[in-house]
Amino acid sequence: MTENLTLKNLWVVGDRVLIKPRTTNNKTKSGLFLPPGYSEKEEIQTGYVVKTGPGYPIPSPAEDNDEPWKAVDDKIRYIPLQAQVGDLAIFLHKGAIEIIYNDEKYYIVPQHSILLLERDSGLFE
């Protein structure tokens, strides 16, 4: 099963982003091997955005409704997030929630915990 099919049933809520952590090199520049889990303790993590929530909900504008008995379409509107699927995100580990889904590790990160996004717009064209 491809990654997109396994994540099809997941819905990210609100201003949150689902991030798959980037695999890190367990070897330092001088050749020393780092113990497992060392990179997970770092304060800043990196990973790829695989799903995003709808964004920040905004309230409906207050309208003068002269006929209150009429049906009102209260469709929720959102301010979209800056993160998009495929972006490389640098985020604060402290604000992230780690989950395991189908034996894969993911982070649920709120938009305010993302520090930087790297987007290659030519990659998907």
PDB file of N, CA and C in Angstrom:
ATOM      1  N   MET A   1       0.833  -1.174   0.000  1.00  0.00           N
ATOM      2  CA  MET A   1       0.000   0.000   0.000  1.00  0.00           C
ATOM      3  C   MET A   1       0.880   1.241   0.000  1.00  0.00           C
ATOM      4  N   THR A   2       0.527   2.207  -0.798  1.00  0.00           N
ATOM      5  CA  THR A   2       1.317   3.432  -0.812  1.00  0.00           C
ATOM      6  C   THR A   2       0.961   4.297   0.387  1.00  0.00           C
ATOM      7  N   GLU A   3       1.813   5.256   0.649  1.00  0.00           N
ATOM      8  CA  GLU A   3       1.619   6.105   1.831  1.00  0.00           C
ATOM      9  C   GLU A   3       0.334   6.917   1.741  1.00  0.00           C
ATOM     10  N   ASN A   4      -0.004   7.406   0.540  1.00  0.00           N
ATOM     11  CA  ASN A   4      -1.214   8.213   0.395  1.00  0.00           C
ATOM     12  C   ASN A   4      -2.463   7.399   0.662  1.00  0.00           C
ATOM     13  N   LEU A   5      -2.470   6.120   0.271  1.00  0.00           N
ATOM     14  CA  LEU A   5      -3.644   5.292   0.519  1.00  0.00           C
ATOM     15  C   LEU A   5      -3.795   4.969   1.995  1.00  0.00           C
ATOM     16  N   THR A   6      -2.701   4.795   2.710  1.00  0.00           N
ATOM     17  CA  THR A   6      -2.810   4.482   4.133  1.00  0.00           C
ATOM     18  C   THR A   6      -3.258   5.693   4.936  1.00  0.00           C
ATOM     19  N   LEU A   7      -2.970   6.889   4.467  1.00  0.00           N
ATOM     20  CA  LEU A   7      -3.342   8.106   5.188  1.00  0.00           C
ATOM     21  C   LEU A   7      -4.677   8.675   4.725  1.00  0.00           C
ATOM     22  N   LYS A   8      -5.332   8.012   3.781  1.00  0.00           N
ATOM     23  CA  LYS A   8      -6.575   8.522   3.217  1.00  0.00           C
ATOM     24  C   LYS A   8      -7.666   8.654   4.267  1.00  0.00           C
ATOM     25  N   ASN A   9      -7.677   7.782   5.249  1.00  0.00           N
ATOM     26  CA  ASN A   9      -8.721   7.791   6.268  1.00  0.00           C
ATOM     27  C   ASN A   9      -8.428   8.743   7.419  1.00  0.00           C
ATOM     28  N   LEU A  10      -7.285   9.387   7.417  1.00  0.00           N
ATOM     29  CA  LEU A  10      -6.940  10.332   8.481  1.00  0.00           C
ATOM     30  C   LEU A  10      -7.361  11.736   8.077  1.00  0.00           C
ATOM     31  N   TRP A  11      -7.988  12.447   9.001  1.00  0.00           N
ATOM     32  CA  TRP A  11      -8.385  13.839   8.791  1.00  0.00           C
ATOM     33  C   TRP A  11      -7.705  14.685   9.852  1.00  0.00           C
ATOM     34  N   VAL A  12      -6.886  15.610   9.429  1.00  0.00           N
ATOM     35  CA  VAL A  12      -6.214  16.515  10.351  1.00  0.00           C
ATOM     36  C   VAL A  12      -7.178  17.658  10.660  1.00  0.00           C
ATOM     37  N   VAL A  13      -7.280  18.008  11.931  1.00  0.00           N
ATOM     38  CA  VAL A  13      -8.284  18.959  12.394  1.00  0.00           C
ATOM     39  C   VAL A  13      -7.658  20.325  12.656  1.00  0.00           C
ATOM     40  N   GLY A  14      -8.369  21.374  12.289  1.00  0.00           N
ATOM     41  CA  GLY A  14      -7.991  22.741  12.645  1.00  0.00           C
ATOM     42  C   GLY A  14      -6.699  23.213  12.018  1.00  0.00           C
ATOM     43  N   ASP A  15      -5.854  23.817  12.843  1.00  0.00           N
ATOM     44  CA  ASP A  15      -4.609  24.417  12.356  1.00  0.00           C
ATOM     45  C   ASP A  15      -3.422  23.479  12.548  1.00  0.00           C
ATOM     46  N   ARG A  16      -3.666  22.193  12.463  1.00  0.00           N
ATOM     47  CA  ARG A  16      -2.594  21.227  12.691  1.00  0.00           C
ATOM     48  C   ARG A  16      -2.111  20.623  11.375  1.00  0.00           C
ATOM     49  N   VAL A  17      -0.891  20.088  11.427  1.00  0.00           N
ATOM     50  CA  VAL A  17      -0.240  19.520  10.257  1.00  0.00           C
ATOM     51  C   VAL A  17       0.302  18.151  10.647  1.00  0.00           C
ATOM     52  N   LEU A  18       0.165  17.167   9.761  1.00  0.00           N
ATOM     53  CA  LEU A  18       0.724  15.833   9.989  1.00  0.00           C
ATOM     54  C   LEU A  18       2.068  15.769   9.277  1.00  0.00           C
ATOM     55  N   ILE A  19       3.116  15.474  10.042  1.00  0.00           N
ATOM     56  CA  ILE A  19       4.478  15.495   9.516  1.00  0.00           C
ATOM     57  C   ILE A  19       5.120  14.130   9.711  1.00  0.00           C
ATOM     58  N   LYS A  20       5.750  13.628   8.638  1.00  0.00           N
ATOM     59  CA  LYS A  20       6.538  12.402   8.733  1.00  0.00           C
ATOM     60  C   LYS A  20       7.985  12.822   8.957  1.00  0.00           C
ATOM     61  N   PRO A  21       8.600  12.364  10.058  1.00  0.00           N
ATOM     62  CA  PRO A  21       9.966  12.813  10.351  1.00  0.00           C
ATOM     63  C   PRO A  21      10.954  12.347   9.283  1.00  0.00           C
ATOM     64  N   ARG A  22      11.916  13.195   9.026  1.00  0.00           N
ATOM     65  CA  ARG A  22      12.957  12.871   8.053  1.00  0.00           C
ATOM     66  C   ARG A  22      13.955  11.928   8.708  1.00  0.00           C
ATOM     67  N   THR A  23      14.393  10.940   7.964  1.00  0.00           N
ATOM     68  CA  THR A  23      15.374  10.011   8.513  1.00  0.00           C
ATOM     69  C   THR A  23      16.697  10.747   8.681  1.00  0.00           C
ATOM     70  N   THR A  24      17.289  10.550   9.829  1.00  0.00           N
ATOM     71  CA  THR A  24      18.527  11.259  10.138  1.00  0.00           C
ATOM     72  C   THR A  24      19.709  10.320  10.042  1.00  0.00           C
ATOM     73  N   ASN A  25      20.861  10.891   9.848  1.00  0.00           N
ATOM     74  CA  ASN A  25      22.096  10.133   9.803  1.00  0.00           C
ATOM     75  C   ASN A  25      22.550   9.886  11.238  1.00  0.00           C
ATOM     76  N   ASN A  26      22.782   8.650  11.599  1.00  0.00           N
ATOM     77  CA  ASN A  26      23.190   8.300  12.962  1.00  0.00           C
ATOM     78  C   ASN A  26      24.704   8.316  13.123  1.00  0.00           C
ATOM     79  N   LYS A  27      25.369   9.051  12.254  1.00  0.00           N
ATOM     80  CA  LYS A  27      26.818   9.113  12.300  1.00  0.00           C
ATOM     81  C   LYS A  27      27.241  10.577  12.273  1.00  0.00           C
ATOM     82  N   THR A  28      28.162  10.951  13.140  1.00  0.00           N
ATOM     83  CA  THR A  28      28.649  12.327  13.173  1.00  0.00           C
ATOM     84  C   THR A  28      29.651  12.550  12.042  1.00  0.00           C
ATOM     85  N   LYS A  29      30.052  13.813  11.863  1.00  0.00           N
ATOM     86  CA  LYS A  29      31.017  14.142  10.809  1.00  0.00           C
ATOM     87  C   LYS A  29      32.370  13.492  11.065  1.00  0.00           C
ATOM     88  N   SER A  30      32.694  13.271  12.334  1.00  0.00           N
ATOM     89  CA  SER A  30      33.981  12.660  12.658  1.00  0.00           C
ATOM     90  C   SER A  30      33.941  11.138  12.608  1.00  0.00           C
ATOM     91  N   GLY A  31      32.744  10.548  12.366  1.00  0.00           N
ATOM     92  CA  GLY A  31      32.658   9.105  12.203  1.00  0.00           C
ATOM     93  C   GLY A  31      32.091   8.354  13.391  1.00  0.00           C
ATOM     94  N   LEU A  32      31.715   9.042  14.460  1.00  0.00           N
ATOM     95  CA  LEU A  32      31.143   8.370  15.622  1.00  0.00           C
ATOM     96  C   LEU A  32      29.678   8.041  15.369  1.00  0.00           C
ATOM     97  N   PHE A  33      29.259   6.861  15.805  1.00  0.00           N
ATOM     98  CA  PHE A  33      27.866   6.466  15.669  1.00  0.00           C
ATOM     99  C   PHE A  33      27.078   6.939  16.884  1.00  0.00           C
ATOM    100  N   LEU A  34      25.919   7.524  16.630  1.00  0.00           N
ATOM    101  CA  LEU A  34      25.059   8.015  17.702  1.00  0.00           C
ATOM    102  C   LEU A  34      24.112   6.911  18.146  1.00  0.00           C
ATOM    103  N   PRO A  35      23.765   6.863  19.427  1.00  0.00           N
ATOM    104  CA  PRO A  35      22.838   5.831  19.900  1.00  0.00           C
ATOM    105  C   PRO A  35      21.434   6.052  19.333  1.00  0.00           C
ATOM    106  N   PRO A  36      20.640   4.978  19.226  1.00  0.00           N
ATOM    107  CA  PRO A  36      19.266   5.134  18.731  1.00  0.00           C
ATOM    108  C   PRO A  36      18.471   6.076  19.627  1.00  0.00           C
ATOM    109  N   GLY A  37      17.673   6.913  19.021  1.00  0.00           N
ATOM    110  CA  GLY A  37      16.854   7.851  19.778  1.00  0.00           C
ATOM    111  C   GLY A  37      17.546   9.155  20.119  1.00  0.00           C
ATOM    112  N   TYR A  38      18.802   9.299  19.748  1.00  0.00           N
ATOM    113  CA  TYR A  38      19.528  10.532  20.079  1.00  0.00           C
ATOM    114  C   TYR A  38      18.905  11.747  19.391  1.00  0.00           C
ATOM    115  N   SER A  39      18.593  11.607  18.120  1.00  0.00           N
ATOM    116  CA  SER A  39      18.057  12.751  17.371  1.00  0.00           C
ATOM    117  C   SER A  39      16.644  13.113  17.817  1.00  0.00           C
ATOM    118  N   GLU A  40      15.921  12.167  18.421  1.00  0.00           N
ATOM    119  CA  GLU A  40      14.565  12.445  18.886  1.00  0.00           C
ATOM    120  C   GLU A  40      14.552  13.374  20.093  1.00  0.00           C
ATOM    121  N   LYS A  41      15.666  13.492  20.784  1.00  0.00           N
ATOM    122  CA  LYS A  41      15.736  14.341  21.970  1.00  0.00           C
ATOM    123  C   LYS A  41      16.077  15.787  21.622  1.00  0.00           C
ATOM    124  N   GLU A  42      16.384  16.053  20.365  1.00  0.00           N
ATOM    125  CA  GLU A  42      16.714  17.417  19.968  1.00  0.00           C
ATOM    126  C   GLU A  42      15.475  18.293  20.023  1.00  0.00           C
ATOM    127  N   GLU A  43      15.685  19.553  20.322  1.00  0.00           N
ATOM    128  CA  GLU A  43      14.579  20.491  20.485  1.00  0.00           C
ATOM    129  C   GLU A  43      13.909  20.834  19.156  1.00  0.00           C
ATOM    130  N   ILE A  44      14.685  20.849  18.086  1.00  0.00           N
ATOM    131  CA  ILE A  44      14.158  21.176  16.759  1.00  0.00           C
ATOM    132  C   ILE A  44      14.242  19.938  15.882  1.00  0.00           C
ATOM    133  N   GLN A  45      13.121  19.603  15.224  1.00  0.00           N
ATOM    134  CA  GLN A  45      13.027  18.424  14.365  1.00  0.00           C
ATOM    135  C   GLN A  45      12.701  18.867  12.942  1.00  0.00           C
ATOM    136  N   THR A  46      12.926  17.966  11.995  1.00  0.00           N
ATOM    137  CA  THR A  46      12.560  18.226  10.605  1.00  0.00           C
ATOM    138  C   THR A  46      11.754  17.054  10.074  1.00  0.00           C
ATOM    139  N   GLY A  47      10.912  17.337   9.108  1.00  0.00           N
ATOM    140  CA  GLY A  47      10.118  16.291   8.487  1.00  0.00           C
ATOM    141  C   GLY A  47       9.315  16.855   7.330  1.00  0.00           C
ATOM    142  N   TYR A  48       8.640  15.953   6.626  1.00  0.00           N
ATOM    143  CA  TYR A  48       7.863  16.338   5.456  1.00  0.00           C
ATOM    144  C   TYR A  48       6.377  16.374   5.790  1.00  0.00           C
ATOM    145  N   VAL A  49       5.698  17.404   5.327  1.00  0.00           N
ATOM    146  CA  VAL A  49       4.261  17.558   5.544  1.00  0.00           C
ATOM    147  C   VAL A  49       3.539  16.555   4.649  1.00  0.00           C
ATOM    148  N   VAL A  50       2.719  15.684   5.254  1.00  0.00           N
ATOM    149  CA  VAL A  50       1.967  14.699   4.478  1.00  0.00           C
ATOM    150  C   VAL A  50       0.477  15.011   4.441  1.00  0.00           C
ATOM    151  N   LYS A  51      -0.036  15.747   5.429  1.00  0.00           N
ATOM    152  CA  LYS A  51      -1.440  16.181   5.433  1.00  0.00           C
ATOM    153  C   LYS A  51      -1.550  17.469   6.226  1.00  0.00           C
ATOM    154  N   THR A  52      -2.526  18.286   5.856  1.00  0.00           N
ATOM    155  CA  THR A  52      -2.768  19.523   6.589  1.00  0.00           C
ATOM    156  C   THR A  52      -4.236  19.616   6.968  1.00  0.00           C
ATOM    157  N   GLY A  53      -4.490  20.354   8.026  1.00  0.00           N
ATOM    158  CA  GLY A  53      -5.864  20.627   8.428  1.00  0.00           C
ATOM    159  C   GLY A  53      -6.448  21.738   7.575  1.00  0.00           C
ATOM    160  N   PRO A  54      -7.730  22.049   7.773  1.00  0.00           N
ATOM    161  CA  PRO A  54      -8.365  23.085   6.953  1.00  0.00           C
ATOM    162  C   PRO A  54      -7.878  24.497   7.269  1.00  0.00           C
ATOM    163  N   GLY A  55      -7.379  24.735   8.461  1.00  0.00           N
ATOM    164  CA  GLY A  55      -6.887  26.059   8.817  1.00  0.00           C
ATOM    165  C   GLY A  55      -7.581  26.613  10.039  1.00  0.00           C
ATOM    166  N   TYR A  56      -7.496  27.925  10.179  1.00  0.00           N
ATOM    167  CA  TYR A  56      -8.109  28.613  11.312  1.00  0.00           C
ATOM    168  C   TYR A  56      -9.557  28.950  10.973  1.00  0.00           C
ATOM    169  N   PRO A  57     -10.529  28.507  11.789  1.00  0.00           N
ATOM    170  CA  PRO A  57     -11.926  28.859  11.491  1.00  0.00           C
ATOM    171  C   PRO A  57     -12.173  30.342  11.753  1.00  0.00           C
ATOM    172  N   ILE A  58     -12.954  30.950  10.875  1.00  0.00           N
ATOM    173  CA  ILE A  58     -13.320  32.352  11.071  1.00  0.00           C
ATOM    174  C   ILE A  58     -14.831  32.432  11.218  1.00  0.00           C
ATOM    175  N   PRO A  59     -15.304  33.322  12.075  1.00  0.00           N
ATOM    176  CA  PRO A  59     -16.752  33.408  12.303  1.00  0.00           C
ATOM    177  C   PRO A  59     -17.465  34.009  11.098  1.00  0.00           C
ATOM    178  N   SER A  60     -18.743  33.686  10.995  1.00  0.00           N
ATOM    179  CA  SER A  60     -19.566  34.259   9.932  1.00  0.00           C
ATOM    180  C   SER A  60     -19.774  35.737  10.223  1.00  0.00           C
ATOM    181  N   PRO A  61     -19.811  36.541   9.194  1.00  0.00           N
ATOM    182  CA  PRO A  61     -20.067  37.963   9.448  1.00  0.00           C
ATOM    183  C   PRO A  61     -21.490  38.155   9.949  1.00  0.00           C
ATOM    184  N   ALA A  62     -21.638  39.062  10.880  1.00  0.00           N
ATOM    185  CA  ALA A  62     -22.972  39.337  11.422  1.00  0.00           C
ATOM    186  C   ALA A  62     -23.763  40.113  10.375  1.00  0.00           C
ATOM    187  N   GLU A  63     -24.818  39.503   9.922  1.00  0.00           N
ATOM    188  CA  GLU A  63     -25.644  40.135   8.897  1.00  0.00           C
ATOM    189  C   GLU A  63     -26.974  40.531   9.516  1.00  0.00           C
ATOM    190  N   ASP A  64     -27.521  41.616   9.032  1.00  0.00           N
ATOM    191  CA  ASP A  64     -28.854  42.012   9.463  1.00  0.00           C
ATOM    192  C   ASP A  64     -29.845  41.152   8.704  1.00  0.00           C
ATOM    193  N   ASN A  65     -30.339  40.162   9.381  1.00  0.00           N
ATOM    194  CA  ASN A  65     -31.278  39.249   8.744  1.00  0.00           C
ATOM    195  C   ASN A  65     -32.685  39.707   9.105  1.00  0.00           C
ATOM    196  N   ASP A  66     -33.369  40.297   8.140  1.00  0.00           N
ATOM    197  CA  ASP A  66     -34.695  40.824   8.423  1.00  0.00           C
ATOM    198  C   ASP A  66     -35.747  39.726   8.539  1.00  0.00           C
ATOM    199  N   GLU A  67     -35.414  38.523   8.090  1.00  0.00           N
ATOM    200  CA  GLU A  67     -36.346  37.399   8.182  1.00  0.00           C
ATOM    201  C   GLU A  67     -35.647  36.243   8.896  1.00  0.00           C
ATOM    202  N   PRO A  68     -35.693  36.215  10.213  1.00  0.00           N
ATOM    203  CA  PRO A  68     -34.935  35.214  10.971  1.00  0.00           C
ATOM    204  C   PRO A  68     -35.429  33.785  10.781  1.00  0.00           C
ATOM    205  N   TRP A  69     -36.609  33.596  10.232  1.00  0.00           N
ATOM    206  CA  TRP A  69     -37.128  32.243  10.059  1.00  0.00           C
ATOM    207  C   TRP A  69     -36.570  31.561   8.815  1.00  0.00           C
ATOM    208  N   LYS A  70     -35.908  32.316   7.951  1.00  0.00           N
ATOM    209  CA  LYS A  70     -35.330  31.722   6.750  1.00  0.00           C
ATOM    210  C   LYS A  70     -34.126  30.865   7.131  1.00  0.00           C
ATOM    211  N   ALA A  71     -33.915  29.842   6.344  1.00  0.00           N
ATOM    212  CA  ALA A  71     -32.772  28.956   6.578  1.00  0.00           C
ATOM    213  C   ALA A  71     -31.476  29.716   6.300  1.00  0.00           C
ATOM    214  N   VAL A  72     -30.543  29.541   7.186  1.00  0.00           N
ATOM    215  CA  VAL A  72     -29.261  30.219   7.056  1.00  0.00           C
ATOM    216  C   VAL A  72     -28.201  29.169   6.775  1.00  0.00           C
ATOM    217  N   ASP A  73     -27.394  29.418   5.764  1.00  0.00           N
ATOM    218  CA  ASP A  73     -26.310  28.501   5.422  1.00  0.00           C
ATOM    219  C   ASP A  73     -25.070  28.908   6.211  1.00  0.00           C
ATOM    220  N   ASP A  74     -24.838  28.227   7.327  1.00  0.00           N
ATOM    221  CA  ASP A  74     -23.686  28.529   8.178  1.00  0.00           C
ATOM    222  C   ASP A  74     -22.504  27.656   7.797  1.00  0.00           C
ATOM    223  N   LYS A  75     -22.044  27.794   6.585  1.00  0.00           N
ATOM    224  CA  LYS A  75     -20.884  27.031   6.150  1.00  0.00           C
ATOM    225  C   LYS A  75     -19.647  27.630   6.812  1.00  0.00           C
ATOM    226  N   ILE A  76     -18.881  26.792   7.447  1.00  0.00           N
ATOM    227  CA  ILE A  76     -17.690  27.253   8.160  1.00  0.00           C
ATOM    228  C   ILE A  76     -16.621  27.624   7.138  1.00  0.00           C
ATOM    229  N   ARG A  77     -16.016  28.782   7.347  1.00  0.00           N
ATOM    230  CA  ARG A  77     -14.938  29.229   6.475  1.00  0.00           C
ATOM    231  C   ARG A  77     -13.633  29.198   7.264  1.00  0.00           C
ATOM    232  N   TYR A  78     -12.539  29.012   6.546  1.00  0.00           N
ATOM    233  CA  TYR A  78     -11.236  28.874   7.186  1.00  0.00           C
ATOM    234  C   TYR A  78     -10.209  29.788   6.529  1.00  0.00           C
ATOM    235  N   ILE A  79      -9.258  30.240   7.336  1.00  0.00           N
ATOM    236  CA  ILE A  79      -8.056  30.881   6.813  1.00  0.00           C
ATOM    237  C   ILE A  79      -7.066  29.740   6.584  1.00  0.00           C
ATOM    238  N   PRO A  80      -6.618  29.515   5.357  1.00  0.00           N
ATOM    239  CA  PRO A  80      -5.765  28.350   5.082  1.00  0.00           C
ATOM    240  C   PRO A  80      -4.398  28.455   5.753  1.00  0.00           C
ATOM    241  N   LEU A  81      -3.781  27.304   5.937  1.00  0.00           N
ATOM    242  CA  LEU A  81      -2.460  27.238   6.550  1.00  0.00           C
ATOM    243  C   LEU A  81      -1.383  27.561   5.524  1.00  0.00           C
ATOM    244  N   GLN A  82      -0.224  27.957   6.013  1.00  0.00           N
ATOM    245  CA  GLN A  82       0.900  28.220   5.116  1.00  0.00           C
ATOM    246  C   GLN A  82       1.538  26.925   4.642  1.00  0.00           C
ATOM    247  N   ALA A  83       1.512  25.886   5.462  1.00  0.00           N
ATOM    248  CA  ALA A  83       2.127  24.612   5.104  1.00  0.00           C
ATOM    249  C   ALA A  83       1.294  23.899   4.050  1.00  0.00           C
ATOM    250  N   GLN A  84       1.985  23.270   3.098  1.00  0.00           N
ATOM    251  CA  GLN A  84       1.333  22.482   2.063  1.00  0.00           C
ATOM    252  C   GLN A  84       1.969  21.100   2.031  1.00  0.00           C
ATOM    253  N   VAL A  85       1.233  20.148   1.478  1.00  0.00           N
ATOM    254  CA  VAL A  85       1.735  18.779   1.375  1.00  0.00           C
ATOM    255  C   VAL A  85       3.015  18.785   0.538  1.00  0.00           C
ATOM    256  N   GLY A  86       4.042  18.116   1.042  1.00  0.00           N
ATOM    257  CA  GLY A  86       5.319  18.037   0.356  1.00  0.00           C
ATOM    258  C   GLY A  86       6.366  18.999   0.877  1.00  0.00           C
ATOM    259  N   ASP A  87       5.980  19.960   1.695  1.00  0.00           N
ATOM    260  CA  ASP A  87       6.936  20.914   2.253  1.00  0.00           C
ATOM    261  C   ASP A  87       7.838  20.233   3.276  1.00  0.00           C
ATOM    262  N   LEU A  88       9.078  20.672   3.326  1.00  0.00           N
ATOM    263  CA  LEU A  88       9.980  20.263   4.399  1.00  0.00           C
ATOM    264  C   LEU A  88       9.790  21.255   5.533  1.00  0.00           C
ATOM    265  N   ALA A  89       9.414  20.759   6.702  1.00  0.00           N
ATOM    266  CA  ALA A  89       9.104  21.620   7.841  1.00  0.00           C
ATOM    267  C   ALA A  89      10.157  21.455   8.927  1.00  0.00           C
ATOM    268  N   ILE A  90      10.576  22.565   9.484  1.00  0.00           N
ATOM    269  CA  ILE A  90      11.428  22.580  10.670  1.00  0.00           C
ATOM    270  C   ILE A  90      10.533  23.064  11.800  1.00  0.00           C
ATOM    271  N   PHE A  91      10.376  22.234  12.834  1.00  0.00           N
ATOM    272  CA  PHE A  91       9.390  22.527  13.874  1.00  0.00           C
ATOM    273  C   PHE A  91       9.947  22.252  15.257  1.00  0.00           C
ATOM    274  N   LEU A  92       9.285  22.821  16.260  1.00  0.00           N
ATOM    275  CA  LEU A  92       9.659  22.602  17.656  1.00  0.00           C
ATOM    276  C   LEU A  92       9.115  21.255  18.118  1.00  0.00           C
ATOM    277  N   HIS A  93       9.980  20.408  18.623  1.00  0.00           N
ATOM    278  CA  HIS A  93       9.568  19.088  19.098  1.00  0.00           C
ATOM    279  C   HIS A  93       8.665  19.204  20.316  1.00  0.00           C
ATOM    280  N   LYS A  94       8.862  20.258  21.098  1.00  0.00           N
ATOM    281  CA  LYS A  94       8.083  20.456  22.322  1.00  0.00           C
ATOM    282  C   LYS A  94       6.594  20.621  22.018  1.00  0.00           C
ATOM    283  N   GLY A  95       6.251  21.233  20.886  1.00  0.00           N
ATOM    284  CA  GLY A  95       4.856  21.462  20.540  1.00  0.00           C
ATOM    285  C   GLY A  95       4.216  20.336  19.754  1.00  0.00           C
ATOM    286  N   ALA A  96       4.973  19.298  19.429  1.00  0.00           N
ATOM    287  CA  ALA A  96       4.470  18.218  18.578  1.00  0.00           C
ATOM    288  C   ALA A  96       3.954  17.050  19.411  1.00  0.00           C
ATOM    289  N   ILE A  97       3.013  16.323  18.825  1.00  0.00           N
ATOM    290  CA  ILE A  97       2.490  15.099  19.437  1.00  0.00           C
ATOM    291  C   ILE A  97       2.897  13.942  18.538  1.00  0.00           C
ATOM    292  N   GLU A  98       3.593  12.973  19.116  1.00  0.00           N
ATOM    293  CA  GLU A  98       4.069  11.828  18.338  1.00  0.00           C
ATOM    294  C   GLU A  98       3.006  10.742  18.311  1.00  0.00           C
ATOM    295  N   ILE A  99       2.736  10.211  17.117  1.00  0.00           N
ATOM    296  CA  ILE A  99       1.810   9.089  16.978  1.00  0.00           C
ATOM    297  C   ILE A  99       2.463   8.020  16.108  1.00  0.00           C
ATOM    298  N   ILE A 100       2.001   6.792  16.290  1.00  0.00           N
ATOM    299  CA  ILE A 100       2.410   5.680  15.441  1.00  0.00           C
ATOM    300  C   ILE A 100       1.164   5.220  14.693  1.00  0.00           C
ATOM    301  N   TYR A 101       1.210   5.239  13.365  1.00  0.00           N
ATOM    302  CA  TYR A 101       0.079   4.821  12.541  1.00  0.00           C
ATOM    303  C   TYR A 101       0.608   3.876  11.472  1.00  0.00           C
ATOM    304  N   ASN A 102       0.084   2.655  11.446  1.00  0.00           N
ATOM    305  CA  ASN A 102       0.539   1.609  10.517  1.00  0.00           C
ATOM    306  C   ASN A 102       2.053   1.411  10.608  1.00  0.00           C
ATOM    307  N   ASP A 103       2.551   1.328  11.831  1.00  0.00           N
ATOM    308  CA  ASP A 103       3.969   1.105  12.117  1.00  0.00           C
ATOM    309  C   ASP A 103       4.883   2.204  11.572  1.00  0.00           C
ATOM    310  N   GLU A 104       4.353   3.375  11.323  1.00  0.00           N
ATOM    311  CA  GLU A 104       5.138   4.531  10.888  1.00  0.00           C
ATOM    312  C   GLU A 104       4.983   5.636  11.934  1.00  0.00           C
ATOM    313  N   LYS A 105       6.054   6.362  12.169  1.00  0.00           N
ATOM    314  CA  LYS A 105       6.008   7.448  13.144  1.00  0.00           C
ATOM    315  C   LYS A 105       5.663   8.753  12.436  1.00  0.00           C
ATOM    316  N   TYR A 106       4.725   9.494  13.027  1.00  0.00           N
ATOM    317  CA  TYR A 106       4.307  10.798  12.523  1.00  0.00           C
ATOM    318  C   TYR A 106       4.233  11.766  13.695  1.00  0.00           C
ATOM    319  N   TYR A 107       4.248  13.050  13.380  1.00  0.00           N
ATOM    320  CA  TYR A 107       4.039  14.090  14.373  1.00  0.00           C
ATOM    321  C   TYR A 107       2.832  14.924  13.963  1.00  0.00           C
ATOM    322  N   ILE A 108       1.976  15.226  14.935  1.00  0.00           N
ATOM    323  CA  ILE A 108       0.900  16.188  14.729  1.00  0.00           C
ATOM    324  C   ILE A 108       1.399  17.496  15.325  1.00  0.00           C
ATOM    325  N   VAL A 109       1.551  18.499  14.468  1.00  0.00           N
ATOM    326  CA  VAL A 109       2.186  19.748  14.869  1.00  0.00           C
ATOM    327  C   VAL A 109       1.233  20.908  14.599  1.00  0.00           C
ATOM    328  N   PRO A 110       0.987  21.774  15.594  1.00  0.00           N
ATOM    329  CA  PRO A 110       0.188  22.971  15.317  1.00  0.00           C
ATOM    330  C   PRO A 110       0.986  23.958  14.457  1.00  0.00           C
ATOM    331  N   GLN A 111       0.267  24.761  13.702  1.00  0.00           N
ATOM    332  CA  GLN A 111       0.907  25.717  12.789  1.00  0.00           C
ATOM    333  C   GLN A 111       1.889  26.629  13.524  1.00  0.00           C
ATOM    334  N   HIS A 112       1.575  27.024  14.758  1.00  0.00           N
ATOM    335  CA  HIS A 112       2.454  27.961  15.466  1.00  0.00           C
ATOM    336  C   HIS A 112       3.761  27.324  15.933  1.00  0.00           C
ATOM    337  N   SER A 113       3.889  25.994  15.870  1.00  0.00           N
ATOM    338  CA  SER A 113       5.140  25.338  16.248  1.00  0.00           C
ATOM    339  C   SER A 113       6.072  25.131  15.058  1.00  0.00           C
ATOM    340  N   ILE A 114       5.601  25.440  13.858  1.00  0.00           N
ATOM    341  CA  ILE A 114       6.446  25.312  12.670  1.00  0.00           C
ATOM    342  C   ILE A 114       7.278  26.585  12.542  1.00  0.00           C
ATOM    343  N   LEU A 115       8.595  26.406  12.481  1.00  0.00           N
ATOM    344  CA  LEU A 115       9.502  27.546  12.417  1.00  0.00           C
ATOM    345  C   LEU A 115       9.829  27.956  10.988  1.00  0.00           C
ATOM    346  N   LEU A 116       9.955  26.965  10.095  1.00  0.00           N
ATOM    347  CA  LEU A 116      10.411  27.245   8.741  1.00  0.00           C
ATOM    348  C   LEU A 116       9.857  26.190   7.798  1.00  0.00           C
ATOM    349  N   LEU A 117       9.506  26.616   6.592  1.00  0.00           N
ATOM    350  CA  LEU A 117       9.052  25.698   5.550  1.00  0.00           C
ATOM    351  C   LEU A 117       9.958  25.846   4.339  1.00  0.00           C
ATOM    352  N   GLU A 118      10.356  24.712   3.767  1.00  0.00           N
ATOM    353  CA  GLU A 118      11.112  24.731   2.518  1.00  0.00           C
ATOM    354  C   GLU A 118      10.233  24.091   1.457  1.00  0.00           C
ATOM    355  N   ARG A 119       9.953  24.866   0.415  1.00  0.00           N
ATOM    356  CA  ARG A 119       9.051  24.387  -0.631  1.00  0.00           C
ATOM    357  C   ARG A 119       9.762  24.476  -1.969  1.00  0.00           C
ATOM    358  N   ASP A 120       9.797  23.353  -2.678  1.00  0.00           N
ATOM    359  CA  ASP A 120      10.354  23.325  -4.026  1.00  0.00           C
ATOM    360  C   ASP A 120       9.179  23.325  -4.986  1.00  0.00           C
ATOM    361  N   SER A 121       8.795  24.505  -5.463  1.00  0.00           N
ATOM    362  CA  SER A 121       7.606  24.611  -6.307  1.00  0.00           C
ATOM    363  C   SER A 121       7.788  23.892  -7.635  1.00  0.00           C
ATOM    364  N   GLY A 122       8.992  23.771  -8.133  1.00  0.00           N
ATOM    365  CA  GLY A 122       9.232  23.070  -9.390  1.00  0.00           C
ATOM    366  C   GLY A 122       9.196  21.567  -9.253  1.00  0.00           C
ATOM    367  N   LEU A 123       9.207  21.067  -8.027  1.00  0.00           N
ATOM    368  CA  LEU A 123       9.232  19.627  -7.794  1.00  0.00           C
ATOM    369  C   LEU A 123       7.944  18.954  -8.225  1.00  0.00           C
ATOM    370  N   PHE A 124       6.805  19.619  -8.040  1.00  0.00           N
ATOM    371  CA  PHE A 124       5.519  18.992  -8.310  1.00  0.00           C
ATOM    372  C   PHE A 124       4.926  19.410  -9.652  1.00  0.00           C
ATOM    373  N   GLU A 125       5.647  20.174 -10.440  1.00  0.00           N
ATOM    374  CA  GLU A 125       5.112  20.613 -11.735  1.00  0.00           C
ATOM    375  C   GLU A 125       5.561  19.706 -12.844  1.00  0.00           C
TER     376      GLU A 125
END
